[in-house]
Amino acid sequence: MPIDWHAETVEQLDFHWKSLLRPRLEGLTDDEYFWEPVPDCWSIRSVGDGGFSADWAWPAPEPPPFTTIAWRLAHIAGPVLGFRASSHFGDGSLTLETIAWPGSAVEALAFLDRSYAAWQDGVGGLDEAGLARPIGPAEGPWRDHSMAALILHINREVLHHGAEVCLLRDLYREAHRNRGASR
């Protein structure tokens, strides 16, 4: 029986999203969202006018800074899913210059949900030729790679960054449970 590669690539991320990642994000608080477990974390920060910005540098320093849940969720929702959905399936308007970085856990989860839905809707609309086509200039030096290769890359990014967010939630819970017990 032939393998339906389209279904496999879509289902890989969708299963992880629905069964593992998104349920683990329920109840995320602003304290968790902005928690900096070590000094000098990269995060999402207020810029004083009601807006927020993300800490980043290109190329990233070596070793890269530790990042907060806020930074990681914004990374998944913005550059990983949102920018790609916008550039490959939308009007290309979501970029580093236009993004409104989420200033709360509620805003971050809403942004994440919108970005995930836009990406999955776009990927879900691809046929075999769409999976095989080159991804083009939006992906810079990877322009000649197939859309299927990009989808698999995005899946890896969401899987590993999502796991990092879940681990940080576990660490936050334990750090605050221990603080309460020591008082």
N, C-alpha and C. Protein backbone atom coordinates (compact mmCIF):
# COMPACT_ATOMS: atom_id res chain seq x y z
N MET A 1 0.85 -1.18 0.00
CA MET A 1 0.00 0.00 0.00
C MET A 1 0.89 1.24 0.00
N PRO A 2 0.60 2.21 -0.88
CA PRO A 2 1.42 3.43 -0.91
C PRO A 2 1.20 4.28 0.34
N ILE A 3 2.24 5.01 0.71
CA ILE A 3 2.18 5.89 1.87
C ILE A 3 1.63 7.23 1.45
N ASP A 4 0.70 7.76 2.21
CA ASP A 4 0.16 9.10 1.97
C ASP A 4 1.04 10.08 2.74
N TRP A 5 2.09 10.60 2.07
CA TRP A 5 3.06 11.46 2.74
C TRP A 5 2.43 12.76 3.22
N HIS A 6 1.46 13.25 2.50
CA HIS A 6 0.77 14.47 2.93
C HIS A 6 0.10 14.24 4.27
N ALA A 7 -0.66 13.17 4.39
CA ALA A 7 -1.34 12.87 5.66
C ALA A 7 -0.33 12.64 6.78
N GLU A 8 0.76 11.97 6.48
CA GLU A 8 1.78 11.69 7.50
C GLU A 8 2.40 12.98 8.03
N THR A 9 2.74 13.90 7.13
CA THR A 9 3.39 15.14 7.58
C THR A 9 2.44 16.01 8.38
N VAL A 10 1.17 16.07 7.96
CA VAL A 10 0.18 16.87 8.68
C VAL A 10 -0.13 16.23 10.03
N GLU A 11 -0.32 14.93 10.05
CA GLU A 11 -0.72 14.24 11.28
C GLU A 11 0.39 14.26 12.34
N GLN A 12 1.65 14.22 11.92
CA GLN A 12 2.74 14.22 12.90
C GLN A 12 2.63 15.41 13.84
N LEU A 13 2.48 16.60 13.28
CA LEU A 13 2.40 17.80 14.11
C LEU A 13 1.04 17.90 14.79
N ASP A 14 -0.02 17.57 14.08
CA ASP A 14 -1.36 17.69 14.64
C ASP A 14 -1.55 16.80 15.86
N PHE A 15 -1.03 15.57 15.80
CA PHE A 15 -1.13 14.67 16.96
C PHE A 15 -0.39 15.27 18.15
N HIS A 16 0.82 15.73 17.93
CA HIS A 16 1.62 16.32 19.02
C HIS A 16 0.90 17.54 19.59
N TRP A 17 0.37 18.39 18.72
CA TRP A 17 -0.30 19.62 19.13
C TRP A 17 -1.51 19.30 20.00
N LYS A 18 -2.39 18.45 19.49
CA LYS A 18 -3.66 18.16 20.18
C LYS A 18 -3.51 17.29 21.41
N SER A 19 -2.58 16.34 21.37
CA SER A 19 -2.47 15.37 22.47
C SER A 19 -1.46 15.77 23.54
N LEU A 20 -0.41 16.46 23.15
CA LEU A 20 0.68 16.70 24.09
C LEU A 20 0.91 18.18 24.38
N LEU A 21 1.18 18.96 23.37
CA LEU A 21 1.62 20.33 23.62
C LEU A 21 0.50 21.26 24.06
N ARG A 22 -0.52 21.43 23.26
CA ARG A 22 -1.52 22.46 23.58
C ARG A 22 -2.21 22.21 24.91
N PRO A 23 -2.56 20.97 25.26
CA PRO A 23 -3.15 20.76 26.60
C PRO A 23 -2.21 21.14 27.74
N ARG A 24 -0.90 20.97 27.54
CA ARG A 24 0.07 21.32 28.59
C ARG A 24 0.21 22.82 28.79
N LEU A 25 -0.31 23.61 27.86
CA LEU A 25 -0.19 25.07 27.97
C LEU A 25 -1.39 25.70 28.66
N GLU A 26 -2.43 24.93 28.90
CA GLU A 26 -3.61 25.46 29.58
C GLU A 26 -3.23 25.98 30.96
N GLY A 27 -3.80 27.11 31.33
CA GLY A 27 -3.55 27.68 32.65
C GLY A 27 -2.24 28.42 32.80
N LEU A 28 -1.51 28.63 31.70
CA LEU A 28 -0.24 29.36 31.76
C LEU A 28 -0.49 30.76 32.33
N THR A 29 0.28 31.13 33.33
CA THR A 29 0.14 32.44 33.97
C THR A 29 1.21 33.41 33.46
N ASP A 30 0.99 34.68 33.69
CA ASP A 30 2.00 35.67 33.32
C ASP A 30 3.28 35.48 34.13
N ASP A 31 3.16 35.04 35.38
CA ASP A 31 4.36 34.78 36.18
C ASP A 31 5.22 33.70 35.53
N GLU A 32 4.60 32.62 35.09
CA GLU A 32 5.34 31.56 34.40
C GLU A 32 5.90 32.07 33.07
N TYR A 33 5.06 32.77 32.34
CA TYR A 33 5.40 33.26 31.01
C TYR A 33 6.69 34.08 31.04
N PHE A 34 6.81 34.96 32.01
CA PHE A 34 7.98 35.85 32.10
C PHE A 34 9.08 35.34 33.04
N TRP A 35 8.88 34.21 33.69
CA TRP A 35 9.85 33.70 34.66
C TRP A 35 11.23 33.52 34.04
N GLU A 36 12.24 34.05 34.74
CA GLU A 36 13.63 33.92 34.30
C GLU A 36 14.36 33.04 35.29
N PRO A 37 14.51 31.74 34.97
CA PRO A 37 15.11 30.81 35.91
C PRO A 37 16.60 31.01 36.13
N VAL A 38 17.26 31.71 35.23
CA VAL A 38 18.69 32.02 35.36
C VAL A 38 18.90 33.47 34.95
N PRO A 39 20.02 34.07 35.34
CA PRO A 39 20.28 35.47 34.94
C PRO A 39 20.46 35.59 33.42
N ASP A 40 20.13 36.77 32.93
CA ASP A 40 20.38 37.16 31.54
C ASP A 40 19.62 36.33 30.50
N CYS A 41 18.42 35.91 30.85
CA CYS A 41 17.59 35.19 29.87
C CYS A 41 17.17 36.12 28.74
N TRP A 42 16.97 35.54 27.59
CA TRP A 42 16.26 36.25 26.53
C TRP A 42 14.78 36.08 26.79
N SER A 43 14.02 37.14 26.58
CA SER A 43 12.59 37.11 26.86
C SER A 43 11.85 38.07 25.93
N ILE A 44 10.60 38.28 26.24
CA ILE A 44 9.78 39.32 25.63
C ILE A 44 9.72 40.43 26.67
N ARG A 45 10.00 41.66 26.26
CA ARG A 45 10.11 42.75 27.22
C ARG A 45 9.26 43.95 26.80
N SER A 46 8.73 44.63 27.81
CA SER A 46 7.97 45.85 27.57
C SER A 46 8.90 46.91 27.02
N VAL A 47 8.42 47.66 26.03
CA VAL A 47 9.19 48.78 25.49
C VAL A 47 8.63 50.10 25.98
N GLY A 48 7.68 50.05 26.93
CA GLY A 48 7.23 51.24 27.61
C GLY A 48 6.06 51.98 26.99
N ASP A 49 5.70 51.68 25.78
CA ASP A 49 4.58 52.38 25.14
C ASP A 49 3.38 51.45 24.95
N GLY A 50 3.34 50.39 25.74
CA GLY A 50 2.29 49.39 25.59
C GLY A 50 2.69 48.27 24.66
N GLY A 51 3.81 48.43 23.99
CA GLY A 51 4.31 47.40 23.08
C GLY A 51 5.37 46.54 23.75
N PHE A 52 5.77 45.51 23.05
CA PHE A 52 6.78 44.58 23.56
C PHE A 52 7.76 44.25 22.45
N SER A 53 8.95 43.85 22.86
CA SER A 53 9.96 43.43 21.89
C SER A 53 10.56 42.11 22.36
N ALA A 54 11.18 41.42 21.44
CA ALA A 54 11.85 40.15 21.74
C ALA A 54 13.35 40.38 21.77
N ASP A 55 14.02 39.79 22.76
CA ASP A 55 15.48 39.79 22.77
C ASP A 55 15.96 38.85 21.67
N TRP A 56 16.91 39.31 20.89
CA TRP A 56 17.50 38.44 19.88
C TRP A 56 18.70 39.12 19.25
N ALA A 57 19.50 38.33 18.58
CA ALA A 57 20.64 38.82 17.81
C ALA A 57 20.90 37.82 16.70
N TRP A 58 21.38 38.34 15.57
CA TRP A 58 21.74 37.44 14.47
C TRP A 58 23.12 37.78 14.00
N PRO A 59 24.00 36.84 14.02
CA PRO A 59 23.80 35.47 14.49
C PRO A 59 23.70 35.44 16.02
N ALA A 60 23.08 34.39 16.51
CA ALA A 60 22.92 34.23 17.96
C ALA A 60 24.30 34.04 18.59
N PRO A 61 24.47 34.57 19.79
CA PRO A 61 25.76 34.37 20.48
C PRO A 61 26.00 32.88 20.77
N GLU A 62 27.26 32.55 20.94
CA GLU A 62 27.64 31.18 21.31
C GLU A 62 28.21 31.18 22.71
N PRO A 63 27.71 30.43 23.65
CA PRO A 63 26.49 29.66 23.52
C PRO A 63 25.28 30.60 23.50
N PRO A 64 24.15 30.13 22.95
CA PRO A 64 22.97 30.99 22.94
C PRO A 64 22.44 31.21 24.35
N PRO A 65 21.83 32.35 24.59
CA PRO A 65 21.28 32.62 25.93
C PRO A 65 20.13 31.66 26.25
N PHE A 66 19.92 31.46 27.53
CA PHE A 66 18.76 30.71 27.97
C PHE A 66 17.53 31.57 27.69
N THR A 67 16.44 30.95 27.30
CA THR A 67 15.24 31.71 26.94
C THR A 67 14.06 31.34 27.83
N THR A 68 13.19 32.32 28.04
CA THR A 68 12.00 32.14 28.88
C THR A 68 10.88 31.46 28.08
N ILE A 69 9.83 31.08 28.79
CA ILE A 69 8.64 30.57 28.13
C ILE A 69 8.12 31.62 27.16
N ALA A 70 8.12 32.88 27.57
CA ALA A 70 7.65 33.96 26.70
C ALA A 70 8.42 33.96 25.39
N TRP A 71 9.72 33.90 25.46
CA TRP A 71 10.54 33.93 24.25
C TRP A 71 10.26 32.71 23.39
N ARG A 72 10.20 31.54 24.02
CA ARG A 72 10.01 30.30 23.25
C ARG A 72 8.64 30.25 22.58
N LEU A 73 7.59 30.65 23.31
CA LEU A 73 6.25 30.66 22.69
C LEU A 73 6.18 31.68 21.56
N ALA A 74 6.79 32.84 21.76
CA ALA A 74 6.80 33.86 20.71
C ALA A 74 7.59 33.36 19.50
N HIS A 75 8.65 32.63 19.73
CA HIS A 75 9.45 32.06 18.65
C HIS A 75 8.62 31.05 17.85
N ILE A 76 7.92 30.17 18.54
CA ILE A 76 7.08 29.19 17.84
C ILE A 76 5.97 29.89 17.06
N ALA A 77 5.27 30.82 17.73
CA ALA A 77 4.12 31.47 17.11
C ALA A 77 4.53 32.43 15.99
N GLY A 78 5.67 33.10 16.15
CA GLY A 78 6.10 34.09 15.16
C GLY A 78 6.96 33.48 14.07
N PRO A 79 8.28 33.46 14.26
CA PRO A 79 9.16 32.99 13.19
C PRO A 79 8.91 31.56 12.71
N VAL A 80 8.59 30.64 13.60
CA VAL A 80 8.45 29.24 13.18
C VAL A 80 7.16 29.03 12.39
N LEU A 81 6.01 29.34 12.99
CA LEU A 81 4.72 29.07 12.34
C LEU A 81 4.14 30.29 11.61
N GLY A 82 4.07 31.41 12.31
CA GLY A 82 3.38 32.57 11.77
C GLY A 82 4.03 33.16 10.53
N PHE A 83 5.36 33.39 10.60
CA PHE A 83 6.05 33.96 9.44
C PHE A 83 5.92 33.01 8.24
N ARG A 84 6.07 31.71 8.50
CA ARG A 84 6.01 30.73 7.41
C ARG A 84 4.61 30.66 6.82
N ALA A 85 3.58 30.64 7.68
CA ALA A 85 2.21 30.63 7.16
C ALA A 85 1.95 31.87 6.34
N SER A 86 2.41 33.01 6.82
CA SER A 86 2.21 34.28 6.11
C SER A 86 2.94 34.28 4.77
N SER A 87 4.19 33.84 4.76
CA SER A 87 4.97 33.93 3.52
C SER A 87 4.62 32.84 2.51
N HIS A 88 4.19 31.67 2.96
CA HIS A 88 3.92 30.57 2.02
C HIS A 88 2.44 30.41 1.68
N PHE A 89 1.55 30.85 2.57
CA PHE A 89 0.12 30.63 2.34
C PHE A 89 -0.71 31.91 2.47
N GLY A 90 -0.08 33.01 2.83
CA GLY A 90 -0.80 34.26 3.05
C GLY A 90 -0.23 35.38 2.21
N ASP A 91 -0.31 36.57 2.76
CA ASP A 91 0.11 37.76 2.02
C ASP A 91 1.54 38.20 2.33
N GLY A 92 2.23 37.47 3.19
CA GLY A 92 3.62 37.80 3.51
C GLY A 92 3.79 38.99 4.44
N SER A 93 2.72 39.43 5.06
CA SER A 93 2.78 40.66 5.86
C SER A 93 3.32 40.46 7.29
N LEU A 94 3.35 39.24 7.79
CA LEU A 94 3.88 39.02 9.14
C LEU A 94 5.39 38.81 9.05
N THR A 95 6.14 39.75 9.59
CA THR A 95 7.60 39.73 9.53
C THR A 95 8.16 40.23 10.86
N LEU A 96 9.46 40.23 10.98
CA LEU A 96 10.09 40.79 12.18
C LEU A 96 9.75 42.27 12.34
N GLU A 97 9.54 42.96 11.24
CA GLU A 97 9.23 44.39 11.30
C GLU A 97 7.77 44.66 11.67
N THR A 98 6.87 43.71 11.43
CA THR A 98 5.43 43.96 11.66
C THR A 98 4.85 43.22 12.85
N ILE A 99 5.58 42.28 13.41
CA ILE A 99 5.03 41.44 14.47
C ILE A 99 4.72 42.27 15.73
N ALA A 100 3.61 41.95 16.37
CA ALA A 100 3.28 42.50 17.68
C ALA A 100 3.58 41.40 18.70
N TRP A 101 4.72 41.53 19.37
CA TRP A 101 5.14 40.50 20.31
C TRP A 101 4.14 40.43 21.47
N PRO A 102 3.73 39.24 21.86
CA PRO A 102 2.70 39.08 22.90
C PRO A 102 3.21 39.45 24.29
N GLY A 103 2.48 40.34 24.95
CA GLY A 103 2.89 40.84 26.26
C GLY A 103 2.25 40.15 27.44
N SER A 104 1.56 39.05 27.20
CA SER A 104 0.97 38.27 28.30
C SER A 104 0.82 36.82 27.85
N ALA A 105 0.61 35.95 28.81
CA ALA A 105 0.40 34.54 28.49
C ALA A 105 -0.84 34.35 27.64
N VAL A 106 -1.91 35.06 27.97
CA VAL A 106 -3.15 34.94 27.19
C VAL A 106 -2.92 35.37 25.75
N GLU A 107 -2.24 36.50 25.55
CA GLU A 107 -1.95 36.97 24.19
C GLU A 107 -1.05 35.98 23.45
N ALA A 108 -0.09 35.42 24.14
CA ALA A 108 0.83 34.47 23.52
C ALA A 108 0.10 33.21 23.06
N LEU A 109 -0.79 32.70 23.89
CA LEU A 109 -1.52 31.49 23.51
C LEU A 109 -2.48 31.76 22.35
N ALA A 110 -3.09 32.94 22.33
CA ALA A 110 -3.97 33.29 21.22
C ALA A 110 -3.17 33.41 19.92
N PHE A 111 -2.00 34.05 19.99
CA PHE A 111 -1.12 34.19 18.83
C PHE A 111 -0.66 32.81 18.37
N LEU A 112 -0.28 31.96 19.30
CA LEU A 112 0.15 30.61 18.99
C LEU A 112 -0.97 29.83 18.29
N ASP A 113 -2.18 29.91 18.81
CA ASP A 113 -3.31 29.20 18.21
C ASP A 113 -3.58 29.70 16.78
N ARG A 114 -3.54 31.01 16.57
CA ARG A 114 -3.77 31.58 15.24
C ARG A 114 -2.67 31.13 14.26
N SER A 115 -1.44 31.18 14.72
CA SER A 115 -0.32 30.81 13.85
C SER A 115 -0.37 29.33 13.50
N TYR A 116 -0.65 28.50 14.49
CA TYR A 116 -0.75 27.06 14.25
C TYR A 116 -1.87 26.78 13.24
N ALA A 117 -3.04 27.38 13.44
CA ALA A 117 -4.17 27.15 12.54
C ALA A 117 -3.83 27.59 11.11
N ALA A 118 -3.19 28.75 10.96
CA ALA A 118 -2.83 29.24 9.62
C ALA A 118 -1.85 28.30 8.95
N TRP A 119 -0.86 27.82 9.70
CA TRP A 119 0.13 26.89 9.14
C TRP A 119 -0.54 25.58 8.75
N GLN A 120 -1.31 25.00 9.65
CA GLN A 120 -1.95 23.71 9.37
C GLN A 120 -2.95 23.82 8.23
N ASP A 121 -3.69 24.92 8.16
CA ASP A 121 -4.62 25.11 7.04
C ASP A 121 -3.87 25.17 5.72
N GLY A 122 -2.76 25.89 5.71
CA GLY A 122 -1.96 25.99 4.49
C GLY A 122 -1.38 24.65 4.08
N VAL A 123 -0.78 23.96 5.02
CA VAL A 123 -0.20 22.65 4.74
C VAL A 123 -1.29 21.66 4.32
N GLY A 124 -2.43 21.73 4.99
CA GLY A 124 -3.52 20.83 4.66
C GLY A 124 -4.04 21.02 3.25
N GLY A 125 -3.87 22.19 2.68
CA GLY A 125 -4.33 22.46 1.32
C GLY A 125 -3.36 22.06 0.22
N LEU A 126 -2.21 21.55 0.60
CA LEU A 126 -1.22 21.15 -0.41
C LEU A 126 -1.55 19.79 -1.01
N ASP A 127 -1.27 19.65 -2.28
CA ASP A 127 -1.36 18.34 -2.91
C ASP A 127 0.06 17.81 -3.10
N GLU A 128 0.19 16.70 -3.81
CA GLU A 128 1.50 16.09 -4.01
C GLU A 128 2.47 17.05 -4.70
N ALA A 129 1.97 17.77 -5.69
CA ALA A 129 2.83 18.74 -6.39
C ALA A 129 3.23 19.88 -5.45
N GLY A 130 2.31 20.30 -4.57
CA GLY A 130 2.62 21.35 -3.61
C GLY A 130 3.69 20.92 -2.62
N LEU A 131 3.66 19.66 -2.22
CA LEU A 131 4.69 19.15 -1.31
C LEU A 131 6.06 19.10 -1.99
N ALA A 132 6.06 18.85 -3.29
CA ALA A 132 7.32 18.69 -4.02
C ALA A 132 7.92 20.00 -4.49
N ARG A 133 7.13 21.07 -4.58
CA ARG A 133 7.63 22.32 -5.15
C ARG A 133 8.71 22.95 -4.27
N PRO A 134 9.65 23.67 -4.88
CA PRO A 134 10.66 24.38 -4.09
C PRO A 134 10.00 25.48 -3.24
N ILE A 135 10.55 25.72 -2.07
CA ILE A 135 9.95 26.68 -1.14
C ILE A 135 10.23 28.12 -1.52
N GLY A 136 11.22 28.37 -2.33
CA GLY A 136 11.43 29.70 -2.88
C GLY A 136 12.17 30.67 -1.99
N PRO A 137 12.21 31.94 -2.40
CA PRO A 137 13.07 32.94 -1.78
C PRO A 137 12.73 33.27 -0.33
N ALA A 138 11.52 32.98 0.12
CA ALA A 138 11.17 33.28 1.52
C ALA A 138 12.07 32.53 2.49
N GLU A 139 12.68 31.44 2.05
CA GLU A 139 13.53 30.62 2.92
C GLU A 139 15.01 30.79 2.63
N GLY A 140 15.37 31.88 1.95
CA GLY A 140 16.78 32.23 1.75
C GLY A 140 17.59 31.12 1.12
N PRO A 141 18.68 30.71 1.77
CA PRO A 141 19.58 29.73 1.15
C PRO A 141 18.96 28.34 0.98
N TRP A 142 17.81 28.11 1.57
CA TRP A 142 17.13 26.82 1.44
C TRP A 142 16.06 26.85 0.34
N ARG A 143 16.04 27.90 -0.45
CA ARG A 143 14.98 28.14 -1.45
C ARG A 143 14.71 26.96 -2.37
N ASP A 144 15.71 26.13 -2.63
CA ASP A 144 15.52 25.01 -3.56
C ASP A 144 15.01 23.74 -2.89
N HIS A 145 14.92 23.75 -1.55
CA HIS A 145 14.37 22.58 -0.85
C HIS A 145 12.87 22.49 -1.10
N SER A 146 12.32 21.30 -0.92
CA SER A 146 10.89 21.09 -1.15
C SER A 146 10.05 21.62 0.01
N MET A 147 8.79 21.86 -0.28
CA MET A 147 7.85 22.23 0.78
C MET A 147 7.77 21.11 1.82
N ALA A 148 7.84 19.86 1.38
CA ALA A 148 7.82 18.74 2.34
C ALA A 148 8.99 18.85 3.31
N ALA A 149 10.17 19.23 2.82
CA ALA A 149 11.33 19.39 3.71
C ALA A 149 11.08 20.51 4.71
N LEU A 150 10.45 21.61 4.27
CA LEU A 150 10.14 22.71 5.19
C LEU A 150 9.12 22.24 6.24
N ILE A 151 8.11 21.52 5.82
CA ILE A 151 7.09 21.03 6.76
C ILE A 151 7.75 20.17 7.83
N LEU A 152 8.62 19.26 7.43
CA LEU A 152 9.29 18.40 8.40
C LEU A 152 10.18 19.23 9.34
N HIS A 153 10.82 20.25 8.82
CA HIS A 153 11.64 21.14 9.66
C HIS A 153 10.75 21.88 10.67
N ILE A 154 9.62 22.41 10.21
CA ILE A 154 8.71 23.11 11.12
C ILE A 154 8.20 22.15 12.18
N ASN A 155 7.87 20.94 11.79
CA ASN A 155 7.43 19.95 12.78
C ASN A 155 8.49 19.76 13.86
N ARG A 156 9.74 19.60 13.45
CA ARG A 156 10.84 19.43 14.43
C ARG A 156 10.93 20.64 15.34
N GLU A 157 10.84 21.84 14.77
CA GLU A 157 10.94 23.06 15.57
C GLU A 157 9.84 23.13 16.62
N VAL A 158 8.60 22.87 16.23
CA VAL A 158 7.49 22.92 17.18
C VAL A 158 7.63 21.82 18.22
N LEU A 159 8.01 20.63 17.80
CA LEU A 159 8.18 19.53 18.75
C LEU A 159 9.24 19.86 19.80
N HIS A 160 10.41 20.30 19.37
CA HIS A 160 11.47 20.50 20.37
C HIS A 160 11.26 21.77 21.18
N HIS A 161 10.83 22.87 20.58
CA HIS A 161 10.59 24.07 21.39
C HIS A 161 9.38 23.88 22.30
N GLY A 162 8.38 23.16 21.83
CA GLY A 162 7.23 22.86 22.69
C GLY A 162 7.64 22.03 23.89
N ALA A 163 8.52 21.05 23.69
CA ALA A 163 9.01 20.24 24.80
C ALA A 163 9.80 21.11 25.79
N GLU A 164 10.57 22.07 25.28
CA GLU A 164 11.30 22.98 26.16
C GLU A 164 10.33 23.80 27.02
N VAL A 165 9.26 24.30 26.40
CA VAL A 165 8.27 25.07 27.15
C VAL A 165 7.65 24.21 28.25
N CYS A 166 7.30 22.98 27.93
CA CYS A 166 6.71 22.09 28.93
C CYS A 166 7.69 21.81 30.07
N LEU A 167 8.95 21.63 29.76
CA LEU A 167 9.96 21.43 30.80
C LEU A 167 10.07 22.67 31.68
N LEU A 168 10.06 23.85 31.07
CA LEU A 168 10.13 25.08 31.87
C LEU A 168 8.91 25.21 32.78
N ARG A 169 7.74 24.80 32.30
CA ARG A 169 6.55 24.83 33.17
C ARG A 169 6.75 23.89 34.36
N ASP A 170 7.30 22.71 34.11
CA ASP A 170 7.57 21.76 35.20
C ASP A 170 8.58 22.35 36.19
N LEU A 171 9.63 22.97 35.69
CA LEU A 171 10.63 23.57 36.57
C LEU A 171 10.05 24.72 37.37
N TYR A 172 9.24 25.54 36.73
CA TYR A 172 8.58 26.66 37.43
C TYR A 172 7.72 26.11 38.57
N ARG A 173 6.91 25.10 38.27
CA ARG A 173 6.04 24.51 39.29
C ARG A 173 6.87 23.98 40.47
N GLU A 174 7.93 23.27 40.18
CA GLU A 174 8.76 22.71 41.24
C GLU A 174 9.50 23.79 42.02
N ALA A 175 10.02 24.78 41.34
CA ALA A 175 10.73 25.87 42.02
C ALA A 175 9.80 26.62 42.97
N HIS A 176 8.58 26.82 42.55
CA HIS A 176 7.63 27.55 43.39
C HIS A 176 7.00 26.67 44.47
N ARG A 177 6.92 25.39 44.21
CA ARG A 177 6.45 24.46 45.24
C ARG A 177 7.49 24.40 46.37
N ASN A 178 8.77 24.33 46.01
CA ASN A 178 9.83 24.27 47.02
C ASN A 178 9.94 25.56 47.81
N ARG A 179 9.74 26.69 47.17
CA ARG A 179 9.78 27.97 47.88
C ARG A 179 8.69 28.04 48.94
N GLY A 180 7.50 27.60 48.56
CA GLY A 180 6.39 27.62 49.49
C GLY A 180 6.62 26.69 50.67
N ALA A 181 7.30 25.56 50.43
CA ALA A 181 7.54 24.59 51.50
C ALA A 181 8.62 25.06 52.46
N SER A 182 9.53 25.93 52.01
CA SER A 182 10.64 26.34 52.86
C SER A 182 10.30 27.52 53.77
N ARG A 183 9.12 28.09 53.61
CA ARG A 183 8.76 29.26 54.41
C ARG A 183 8.30 28.89 55.77
